[in-house]
Every structure is written in structure tokens, then in C-alpha cells.
N, C-alpha and C. Protein backbone atom coordinates (compact mmCIF):
# COMPACT_ATOMS: atom_id res chain seq x y z
N MET A 1 65.82 -96.32 109.58
CA MET A 1 66.18 -95.53 109.14
C MET A 1 64.47 -94.34 107.79
N SER A 2 65.09 -93.81 108.52
CA SER A 2 63.82 -92.46 107.83
C SER A 2 64.67 -92.00 106.33
N ARG A 3 63.73 -91.87 105.52
CA ARG A 3 63.91 -91.74 103.89
C ARG A 3 63.49 -90.21 103.77
N GLY A 4 64.15 -89.52 102.48
CA GLY A 4 63.34 -89.00 101.84
C GLY A 4 62.05 -89.04 101.32
N THR A 5 61.50 -88.21 100.23
CA THR A 5 60.94 -88.61 99.43
C THR A 5 60.60 -89.42 98.25
N GLY A 6 61.92 -89.87 98.22
CA GLY A 6 62.51 -90.84 96.67
C GLY A 6 60.75 -91.88 97.07
N ARG A 7 61.20 -92.80 95.52
CA ARG A 7 60.70 -93.76 95.52
C ARG A 7 61.04 -95.16 95.33
N PHE A 8 60.77 -95.95 95.80
CA PHE A 8 61.79 -97.16 94.66
C PHE A 8 60.41 -97.83 94.29
N ILE A 9 60.93 -98.83 93.05
CA ILE A 9 60.12 -99.08 91.70
C ILE A 9 61.26 -100.49 91.20
N THR A 10 60.07 -101.62 91.40
CA THR A 10 61.08 -102.27 90.89
C THR A 10 60.39 -103.37 89.66
N PHE A 11 60.66 -103.59 89.16
CA PHE A 11 59.62 -104.20 87.81
C PHE A 11 61.10 -105.94 87.45
N GLU A 12 60.33 -106.29 87.83
CA GLU A 12 60.46 -107.89 87.77
C GLU A 12 59.73 -108.86 86.47
N GLY A 13 60.29 -110.09 85.89
CA GLY A 13 60.12 -110.39 84.98
C GLY A 13 60.97 -111.20 85.12
N GLY A 14 60.07 -112.26 83.38
CA GLY A 14 61.44 -113.03 83.01
C GLY A 14 62.16 -111.98 81.74
N GLU A 15 62.85 -113.21 80.93
CA GLU A 15 63.45 -112.48 80.84
C GLU A 15 62.91 -112.35 79.25
N GLY A 16 63.64 -110.88 78.50
CA GLY A 16 62.19 -110.23 77.16
C GLY A 16 61.02 -110.20 77.44
N VAL A 17 60.36 -109.54 78.09
CA VAL A 17 59.23 -109.44 78.64
C VAL A 17 59.71 -107.37 78.57
N GLY A 18 60.57 -106.95 78.69
CA GLY A 18 60.05 -105.88 78.18
C GLY A 18 60.81 -104.47 79.90
N LYS A 19 61.12 -105.75 80.35
CA LYS A 19 61.83 -104.60 82.35
C LYS A 19 62.80 -103.12 81.28
N SER A 20 63.52 -103.40 80.72
CA SER A 20 64.18 -102.64 80.19
C SER A 20 63.48 -101.53 79.40
N THR A 21 62.98 -101.92 78.29
CA THR A 21 61.65 -100.46 77.50
C THR A 21 60.98 -100.62 78.55
N ASN A 22 60.26 -101.02 79.88
CA ASN A 22 59.93 -100.09 80.82
C ASN A 22 60.41 -99.15 81.29
N ILE A 23 60.61 -99.51 81.91
CA ILE A 23 62.69 -99.44 83.02
C ILE A 23 62.61 -97.51 82.17
N ASP A 24 63.20 -97.64 80.63
CA ASP A 24 63.41 -96.56 80.25
C ASP A 24 62.55 -95.92 80.07
N PHE A 25 61.44 -96.07 79.62
CA PHE A 25 59.80 -95.24 78.93
C PHE A 25 59.80 -94.27 80.35
N ALA A 26 59.44 -94.97 81.54
CA ALA A 26 59.29 -94.57 82.93
C ALA A 26 60.64 -93.58 83.57
N ALA A 27 61.76 -93.83 83.40
CA ALA A 27 62.15 -93.01 83.37
C ALA A 27 62.53 -91.43 83.09
N GLN A 28 62.31 -91.58 81.54
CA GLN A 28 62.06 -90.87 81.37
C GLN A 28 61.14 -89.46 81.44
N TRP A 29 59.81 -90.41 81.61
CA TRP A 29 58.48 -90.44 82.21
C TRP A 29 58.73 -88.90 83.53
N LEU A 30 59.39 -89.76 83.71
CA LEU A 30 59.55 -88.95 85.12
C LEU A 30 60.83 -87.56 85.50
N GLN A 31 62.08 -87.66 84.34
CA GLN A 31 62.32 -86.78 83.75
C GLN A 31 61.74 -86.13 83.19
N ALA A 32 60.52 -86.07 82.37
CA ALA A 32 59.54 -84.64 82.01
C ALA A 32 59.36 -83.97 83.49
N GLN A 33 59.15 -85.19 84.51
CA GLN A 33 57.84 -84.24 85.30
C GLN A 33 58.89 -83.70 86.76
N ASN A 34 60.29 -83.16 86.89
CA ASN A 34 61.17 -82.66 86.60
C ASN A 34 61.49 -83.35 88.37
N ILE A 35 61.28 -84.71 87.68
CA ILE A 35 61.40 -86.37 89.45
C ILE A 35 62.91 -86.91 88.92
N ASP A 36 63.31 -85.84 90.32
CA ASP A 36 64.92 -86.80 90.12
C ASP A 36 65.00 -88.53 89.92
N VAL A 37 65.83 -89.11 89.14
CA VAL A 37 65.60 -90.67 88.88
C VAL A 37 66.71 -91.00 88.45
N MET A 38 67.18 -92.16 88.93
CA MET A 38 68.00 -93.61 89.08
C MET A 38 67.85 -94.60 88.38
N VAL A 39 67.84 -94.89 87.66
CA VAL A 39 68.51 -96.37 87.19
C VAL A 39 69.14 -97.44 87.58
N THR A 40 68.97 -98.83 88.08
CA THR A 40 70.12 -99.53 88.43
C THR A 40 69.23 -100.58 88.25
N ARG A 41 70.24 -102.48 88.63
CA ARG A 41 69.23 -103.68 88.52
C ARG A 41 69.81 -104.37 89.36
N GLU A 42 69.93 -105.48 89.75
CA GLU A 42 70.61 -106.32 90.55
C GLU A 42 69.93 -108.04 89.99
N PRO A 43 71.31 -108.30 89.64
CA PRO A 43 72.34 -108.69 90.75
C PRO A 43 73.26 -107.09 89.49
N GLY A 44 73.63 -106.14 90.49
CA GLY A 44 74.58 -105.23 90.53
C GLY A 44 74.53 -103.75 90.86
N GLY A 45 74.87 -102.64 90.03
CA GLY A 45 74.91 -101.32 90.52
C GLY A 45 75.54 -101.13 90.92
N THR A 46 76.72 -101.48 91.73
CA THR A 46 78.16 -101.39 91.80
C THR A 46 79.25 -101.78 91.44
N PRO A 47 80.37 -101.44 92.03
CA PRO A 47 81.32 -102.05 91.23
C PRO A 47 81.85 -103.72 91.95
N ILE A 48 81.24 -103.59 93.39
CA ILE A 48 81.19 -104.97 93.70
C ILE A 48 80.39 -105.96 93.85
N ALA A 49 78.93 -105.07 93.02
CA ALA A 49 77.90 -106.12 93.21
C ALA A 49 77.94 -106.70 91.32
N GLU A 50 78.47 -105.61 90.71
CA GLU A 50 78.87 -105.94 88.99
C GLU A 50 79.70 -107.15 89.18
N THR A 51 80.24 -106.67 90.19
CA THR A 51 81.73 -108.38 89.90
C THR A 51 81.83 -109.67 90.33
N ILE A 52 80.10 -109.31 91.21
CA ILE A 52 78.84 -110.85 92.09
C ILE A 52 78.54 -111.20 91.21
N ARG A 53 77.42 -109.86 90.29
CA ARG A 53 76.72 -110.12 89.01
C ARG A 53 77.51 -111.19 88.51
N ASN A 54 78.65 -110.81 87.56
CA ASN A 54 79.56 -111.88 86.65
C ASN A 54 79.63 -113.39 86.89
N ASP A 55 80.46 -113.54 88.12
CA ASP A 55 80.56 -114.62 88.64
C ASP A 55 79.39 -115.36 88.37
N LEU A 56 78.34 -114.30 89.23
CA LEU A 56 76.79 -115.37 88.73
C LEU A 56 76.52 -116.08 87.95
N LEU A 57 76.95 -115.20 86.57
CA LEU A 57 75.48 -115.28 85.30
C LEU A 57 76.55 -115.14 84.37
N LYS A 58 77.59 -114.68 83.75
CA LYS A 58 79.00 -114.57 83.22
C LYS A 58 79.99 -115.87 83.15
N ALA A 59 80.66 -115.76 84.22
CA ALA A 59 81.80 -116.15 84.94
C ALA A 59 81.49 -118.08 83.71
N HIS A 60 82.44 -119.38 83.79
CA HIS A 60 82.16 -120.65 83.58
C HIS A 60 83.40 -120.87 84.95
N HIS A 61 82.74 -121.80 86.12
CA HIS A 61 83.34 -122.41 86.53
C HIS A 61 83.71 -123.48 86.69
N ASP A 62 85.17 -124.28 87.02
CA ASP A 62 84.43 -126.08 86.51
C ASP A 62 83.82 -126.59 87.61
N GLU A 63 83.05 -126.26 88.64
CA GLU A 63 82.50 -126.99 89.56
C GLU A 63 80.95 -126.19 89.22
N ILE A 64 80.13 -127.03 89.60
CA ILE A 64 78.55 -126.42 89.58
C ILE A 64 78.74 -125.40 91.32
N MET A 65 77.66 -124.57 90.70
CA MET A 65 77.52 -123.84 91.75
C MET A 65 76.86 -124.52 93.17
N HIS A 66 76.06 -124.69 94.51
CA HIS A 66 75.76 -124.96 95.14
C HIS A 66 74.60 -123.85 95.25
N PRO A 67 72.66 -124.34 94.97
CA PRO A 67 72.75 -123.24 95.01
C PRO A 67 72.34 -122.51 96.03
N ARG A 68 72.66 -122.67 97.80
CA ARG A 68 72.33 -122.01 98.93
C ARG A 68 73.74 -121.15 98.44
N THR A 69 74.99 -121.38 97.55
CA THR A 69 75.70 -120.25 97.54
C THR A 69 75.64 -119.63 96.39
N GLU A 70 74.72 -119.73 95.41
CA GLU A 70 74.17 -118.94 94.69
C GLU A 70 73.22 -117.88 95.04
N LEU A 71 72.30 -118.39 96.59
CA LEU A 71 71.23 -117.58 96.88
C LEU A 71 72.19 -116.41 98.24
N LEU A 72 73.52 -116.65 98.71
CA LEU A 72 74.21 -116.04 98.52
C LEU A 72 75.11 -114.36 98.49
N LEU A 73 75.57 -115.59 97.56
CA LEU A 73 76.40 -114.87 96.42
C LEU A 73 75.45 -113.44 96.28
N VAL A 74 73.82 -113.68 95.68
CA VAL A 74 72.87 -112.87 95.17
C VAL A 74 72.06 -112.20 95.97
N PHE A 75 72.64 -111.95 97.73
CA PHE A 75 71.61 -111.55 98.55
C PHE A 75 73.44 -110.50 99.29
N ALA A 76 74.76 -110.95 99.15
CA ALA A 76 75.91 -109.82 99.94
C ALA A 76 75.35 -109.06 98.06
N ALA A 77 75.76 -109.18 97.13
CA ALA A 77 75.43 -108.12 95.88
C ALA A 77 74.71 -107.10 96.64
N ARG A 78 73.25 -107.71 97.21
CA ARG A 78 71.74 -107.08 97.12
C ARG A 78 72.01 -106.11 98.64
N ALA A 79 72.70 -106.54 99.24
CA ALA A 79 73.37 -105.60 100.51
C ALA A 79 74.26 -104.78 100.51
N GLN A 80 75.16 -104.85 99.60
CA GLN A 80 76.13 -103.77 98.42
C GLN A 80 75.77 -102.49 97.73
N HIS A 81 74.65 -103.01 97.10
CA HIS A 81 73.83 -102.11 96.16
C HIS A 81 72.33 -101.45 97.71
N ILE A 82 72.25 -102.73 98.16
CA ILE A 82 71.30 -101.31 99.02
C ILE A 82 71.82 -100.31 99.55
N GLU A 83 73.17 -100.42 100.74
CA GLU A 83 73.86 -99.65 101.42
C GLU A 83 74.90 -98.50 100.37
N GLN A 84 74.57 -98.63 99.43
CA GLN A 84 75.62 -98.18 98.27
C GLN A 84 75.36 -97.16 97.51
N VAL A 85 73.73 -97.60 97.10
CA VAL A 85 73.21 -97.46 96.55
C VAL A 85 71.96 -96.56 96.19
N ILE A 86 71.20 -97.49 96.52
CA ILE A 86 69.64 -97.59 97.01
C ILE A 86 69.35 -96.16 98.52
N ARG A 87 69.94 -96.36 99.00
CA ARG A 87 69.24 -95.87 100.11
C ARG A 87 69.58 -95.23 100.07
N PRO A 88 70.75 -93.81 100.22
CA PRO A 88 71.83 -92.81 100.06
C PRO A 88 70.44 -91.81 98.77
N ALA A 89 70.22 -92.69 97.43
CA ALA A 89 68.84 -92.30 96.46
C ALA A 89 68.02 -91.79 97.47
N LEU A 90 66.96 -92.47 97.41
CA LEU A 90 66.11 -92.60 98.22
C LEU A 90 66.36 -91.75 99.84
N GLN A 91 67.38 -91.42 99.79
CA GLN A 91 67.52 -90.17 101.14
C GLN A 91 67.80 -89.29 100.73
N ARG A 92 67.91 -88.66 99.59
CA ARG A 92 68.40 -87.48 98.65
C ARG A 92 66.71 -87.18 98.10
N GLY A 93 66.10 -88.06 97.80
CA GLY A 93 64.73 -88.00 97.08
C GLY A 93 64.65 -88.54 95.80
N THR A 94 65.88 -89.04 95.98
CA THR A 94 65.23 -90.10 94.35
C THR A 94 64.85 -90.96 94.02
N TRP A 95 63.95 -90.67 93.18
CA TRP A 95 63.82 -91.77 92.76
C TRP A 95 64.46 -93.51 92.06
N VAL A 96 64.14 -94.23 92.93
CA VAL A 96 64.92 -95.28 92.27
C VAL A 96 63.93 -96.07 91.51
N LEU A 97 64.72 -97.05 89.85
CA LEU A 97 63.88 -97.72 89.20
C LEU A 97 64.58 -98.53 89.26
N CYS A 98 64.58 -100.04 89.61
CA CYS A 98 65.07 -101.25 89.27
C CYS A 98 64.92 -101.89 89.33
N ASP A 99 65.54 -102.82 88.13
CA ASP A 99 65.69 -104.25 87.02
C ASP A 99 66.02 -105.48 88.43
N ARG A 100 64.59 -105.74 88.59
CA ARG A 100 64.76 -107.34 89.51
C ARG A 100 65.57 -106.70 90.79
N PHE A 101 64.33 -107.90 91.73
CA PHE A 101 64.96 -107.61 93.49
C PHE A 101 64.35 -108.32 93.58
N THR A 102 64.05 -108.87 94.93
CA THR A 102 63.68 -109.83 96.28
C THR A 102 62.71 -110.33 95.02
N ASP A 103 61.84 -110.51 94.37
CA ASP A 103 61.21 -111.72 94.02
C ASP A 103 61.46 -112.49 92.81
N SER A 104 62.36 -111.76 91.85
CA SER A 104 63.60 -112.10 91.42
C SER A 104 64.43 -114.11 92.26
N THR A 105 64.46 -112.99 93.18
CA THR A 105 64.97 -114.66 94.18
C THR A 105 64.46 -114.83 94.77
N ILE A 106 63.45 -114.78 95.09
CA ILE A 106 61.82 -116.23 95.12
C ILE A 106 61.74 -116.63 94.82
N ALA A 107 61.52 -116.27 93.07
CA ALA A 107 61.28 -116.85 91.49
C ALA A 107 62.76 -118.18 91.11
N TYR A 108 63.52 -117.28 91.27
CA TYR A 108 64.89 -118.09 90.43
C TYR A 108 65.37 -119.00 91.58
N GLN A 109 65.77 -118.56 92.73
CA GLN A 109 66.89 -119.28 93.82
C GLN A 109 65.89 -120.28 94.89
N GLY A 110 64.19 -119.43 94.72
CA GLY A 110 63.61 -120.34 96.07
C GLY A 110 62.76 -121.09 94.26
N HIS A 111 61.44 -121.24 94.61
CA HIS A 111 60.73 -121.86 93.85
C HIS A 111 61.79 -122.51 92.17
N GLY A 112 63.11 -121.86 91.44
CA GLY A 112 64.30 -122.34 90.92
C GLY A 112 64.59 -123.44 91.05
N ARG A 113 65.22 -122.91 92.21
CA ARG A 113 66.12 -124.19 93.30
C ARG A 113 65.48 -124.91 94.17
N GLY A 114 64.54 -124.80 94.27
CA GLY A 114 64.05 -125.42 95.29
C GLY A 114 64.53 -125.03 96.63
N LEU A 115 65.25 -123.86 96.89
CA LEU A 115 65.57 -123.43 98.33
C LEU A 115 64.42 -122.78 99.16
N PRO A 116 65.24 -123.12 100.76
CA PRO A 116 63.97 -123.27 102.27
C PRO A 116 63.07 -121.12 101.76
N MET A 117 61.31 -120.91 101.86
CA MET A 117 61.18 -119.78 101.89
C MET A 117 62.17 -118.94 102.57
N THR A 118 61.92 -120.08 104.13
CA THR A 118 62.29 -119.76 105.39
C THR A 118 64.57 -118.70 105.66
N GLU A 119 64.56 -119.31 104.41
CA GLU A 119 66.05 -118.59 104.21
C GLU A 119 66.43 -117.22 103.82
N ILE A 120 65.62 -117.41 102.90
CA ILE A 120 64.77 -116.52 101.62
C ILE A 120 64.46 -115.21 102.69
N GLU A 121 63.85 -115.10 103.14
CA GLU A 121 62.86 -114.81 104.36
C GLU A 121 64.32 -113.66 105.69
N SER A 122 64.70 -114.98 105.49
CA SER A 122 66.18 -114.56 106.49
C SER A 122 66.99 -113.89 106.04
N LEU A 123 67.49 -114.18 105.05
CA LEU A 123 67.77 -113.78 104.53
C LEU A 123 67.32 -111.85 104.03
N LYS A 124 66.46 -112.41 104.09
CA LYS A 124 65.59 -111.20 103.51
C LYS A 124 65.97 -109.65 104.68
N ALA A 125 65.95 -110.81 105.33
CA ALA A 125 65.61 -109.30 107.57
C ALA A 125 66.94 -108.86 106.91
N LEU A 126 67.49 -109.32 106.95
CA LEU A 126 68.78 -108.98 107.30
C LEU A 126 69.25 -108.54 106.44
N VAL A 127 69.68 -108.26 105.32
CA VAL A 127 69.76 -107.11 104.48
C VAL A 127 69.52 -106.26 104.00
N GLN A 128 68.22 -106.35 103.58
CA GLN A 128 67.00 -105.52 103.56
C GLN A 128 66.74 -104.79 104.17
N GLN A 129 66.73 -104.77 105.90
CA GLN A 129 66.29 -103.50 106.86
C GLN A 129 64.73 -103.29 106.59
N GLY A 130 63.68 -103.78 106.14
CA GLY A 130 63.03 -102.94 106.12
C GLY A 130 62.86 -102.72 104.90
N LEU A 131 64.00 -102.59 103.60
CA LEU A 131 63.53 -101.39 103.11
C LEU A 131 62.47 -102.48 102.38
N GLU A 132 61.65 -101.83 101.26
CA GLU A 132 60.59 -103.22 100.46
C GLU A 132 60.37 -102.19 99.36
N PRO A 133 60.11 -102.51 98.57
CA PRO A 133 59.51 -100.94 97.43
C PRO A 133 58.28 -100.72 97.79
N ASP A 134 58.37 -99.70 96.79
CA ASP A 134 57.44 -99.18 96.64
C ASP A 134 55.99 -99.70 95.63
N CYS A 135 55.97 -99.72 94.96
CA CYS A 135 55.93 -100.66 93.80
C CYS A 135 56.72 -101.42 93.45
N THR A 136 55.88 -103.00 92.45
CA THR A 136 56.74 -103.29 91.31
C THR A 136 55.58 -104.29 90.37
N PHE A 137 55.86 -103.81 89.98
CA PHE A 137 55.17 -103.76 88.24
C PHE A 137 56.11 -105.34 87.90
N LEU A 138 55.68 -106.28 86.91
CA LEU A 138 55.22 -107.90 87.00
C LEU A 138 55.50 -107.50 85.47
N LEU A 139 55.94 -107.39 85.43
CA LEU A 139 55.71 -107.94 83.22
C LEU A 139 55.84 -108.93 83.22
N ASP A 140 54.55 -109.62 82.54
CA ASP A 140 54.62 -110.96 81.94
C ASP A 140 54.91 -110.95 79.85
N ALA A 141 54.72 -112.45 79.35
CA ALA A 141 54.77 -112.68 77.69
C ALA A 141 54.74 -114.20 78.26
N PRO A 142 54.67 -114.47 76.83
CA PRO A 142 54.55 -116.05 76.55
C PRO A 142 55.55 -116.52 76.46
N LEU A 143 56.55 -117.58 77.32
CA LEU A 143 57.51 -117.44 76.94
C LEU A 143 58.28 -117.83 75.48
N THR A 144 58.28 -118.42 74.44
CA THR A 144 57.77 -117.90 73.49
C THR A 144 58.35 -116.51 72.42
N VAL A 145 57.84 -115.54 73.75
CA VAL A 145 58.35 -114.31 73.26
C VAL A 145 59.48 -113.31 73.66
N GLY A 146 59.40 -114.28 74.43
CA GLY A 146 60.56 -113.58 76.26
C GLY A 146 61.49 -114.43 75.68
N MET A 147 61.48 -114.95 74.92
CA MET A 147 63.03 -115.77 75.22
C MET A 147 63.53 -116.02 73.29
N GLY A 148 62.31 -115.25 72.35
CA GLY A 148 62.78 -115.19 70.80
C GLY A 148 63.04 -113.68 70.97
N ARG A 149 62.50 -113.23 71.69
CA ARG A 149 63.03 -111.52 72.19
C ARG A 149 64.59 -111.72 72.60
N ALA A 150 64.94 -112.63 73.74
CA ALA A 150 66.13 -112.69 74.16
C ALA A 150 67.14 -113.04 73.46
N ALA A 151 66.67 -114.37 72.67
CA ALA A 151 67.44 -114.63 72.16
C ALA A 151 68.47 -113.55 70.79
N ARG A 152 67.59 -112.40 69.99
CA ARG A 152 67.48 -111.68 69.11
C ARG A 152 68.34 -111.12 69.75
N ARG A 153 67.86 -110.04 70.68
CA ARG A 153 69.02 -109.25 71.71
C ARG A 153 70.16 -109.47 72.01
N GLY A 154 70.61 -111.18 72.11
CA GLY A 154 72.09 -111.63 71.97
C GLY A 154 72.27 -111.85 70.50
N ARG A 155 71.99 -112.02 69.84
CA ARG A 155 72.40 -111.51 67.96
C ARG A 155 73.36 -110.78 68.27
N THR A 156 72.11 -109.78 68.58
CA THR A 156 72.68 -108.20 68.24
C THR A 156 73.89 -108.08 69.16
N LEU A 157 73.91 -108.40 70.04
CA LEU A 157 74.68 -108.10 71.35
C LEU A 157 76.22 -108.84 70.60
N LEU A 158 75.84 -109.69 69.97
CA LEU A 158 77.01 -110.63 69.03
C LEU A 158 78.04 -109.61 68.12
N ARG A 159 76.72 -109.01 67.10
CA ARG A 159 77.85 -108.40 66.09
C ARG A 159 77.88 -107.22 65.85
N GLY A 160 77.23 -105.81 67.11
CA GLY A 160 77.83 -105.12 67.67
C GLY A 160 78.89 -105.34 68.16
């Protein structure tokens, strides 16, 4: 499937490294250049994918979620996101800035949960159908800095 002149740019990194800040900066800069841009996130980006995100990150379950279940839910959300948001935007020529993508899946479900890379690669091929970011920014900060920022952000949200 061909796509327009849109570009797909992802931002990866741990909690509190500045992904949102950098995405906002990039979006503002692109808009100032008269480039159509949209910002999205994973998991999420569509109503269905946001429901899956809530089940993964916020919902409290009475049973422990198996790592493979988690992996399948991440890719289910990604499939919806790609087909409903990312591909159509790229075909229109819109630049898509995405907070996390498959590199996070490799980090969290692959290395973090110990799932085989062959399973992740198989699901990636099925869901992404060749879609890859044009550019990925990997942001890094010492763990104490990132977690400190994330904790402050959480306290701010609780007060608001």
C-alpha cells in the first residue's frame, strides 16, 4: 500500500525522559513549517485502543495477566491504531508523531517479560504489514531522573 508524503516518527524511552515534551516541540516546529502533523500514542490512539490501554495500564484485575496475553493486547491495540489512524494520516500526507511503538513492545514484553522475539516479530509482521517508522528518537535519562519526573507528574495529576 503506497502512502502520501507523510512521515511516521516515533519517540521511545523510559518514563520521565521527556517524550511528551519533545513530541510537543516537534509538533509545534512542524506546524510552523506549514506541515500537517498529528500526535498520537501507544497503546491507544483510537477509542478501542484506549480501552485496551486502560485494561493494560490502569485497570485492576483479580488475576495476574499472562505476559503473552499482554503482548496480544498490545498488538491488538496497535492493529486498530494503524488501520484507523496512522495509515490514513500518512496517506493524506500528514506527519504522525507517536509516543511509543514496537520498540517499546520489544523492550517491555520481549526483554522485560521474557517473551520470545520470534513471537513479537511474527505479530509485528501480521499487524504492521511492513509499516515502519521513518525515524525513531530514543530518549534517555538516568533512572533516578526519569522516575523522579514521573513521580512529580503523578503528584501533579492527583492535585488537579
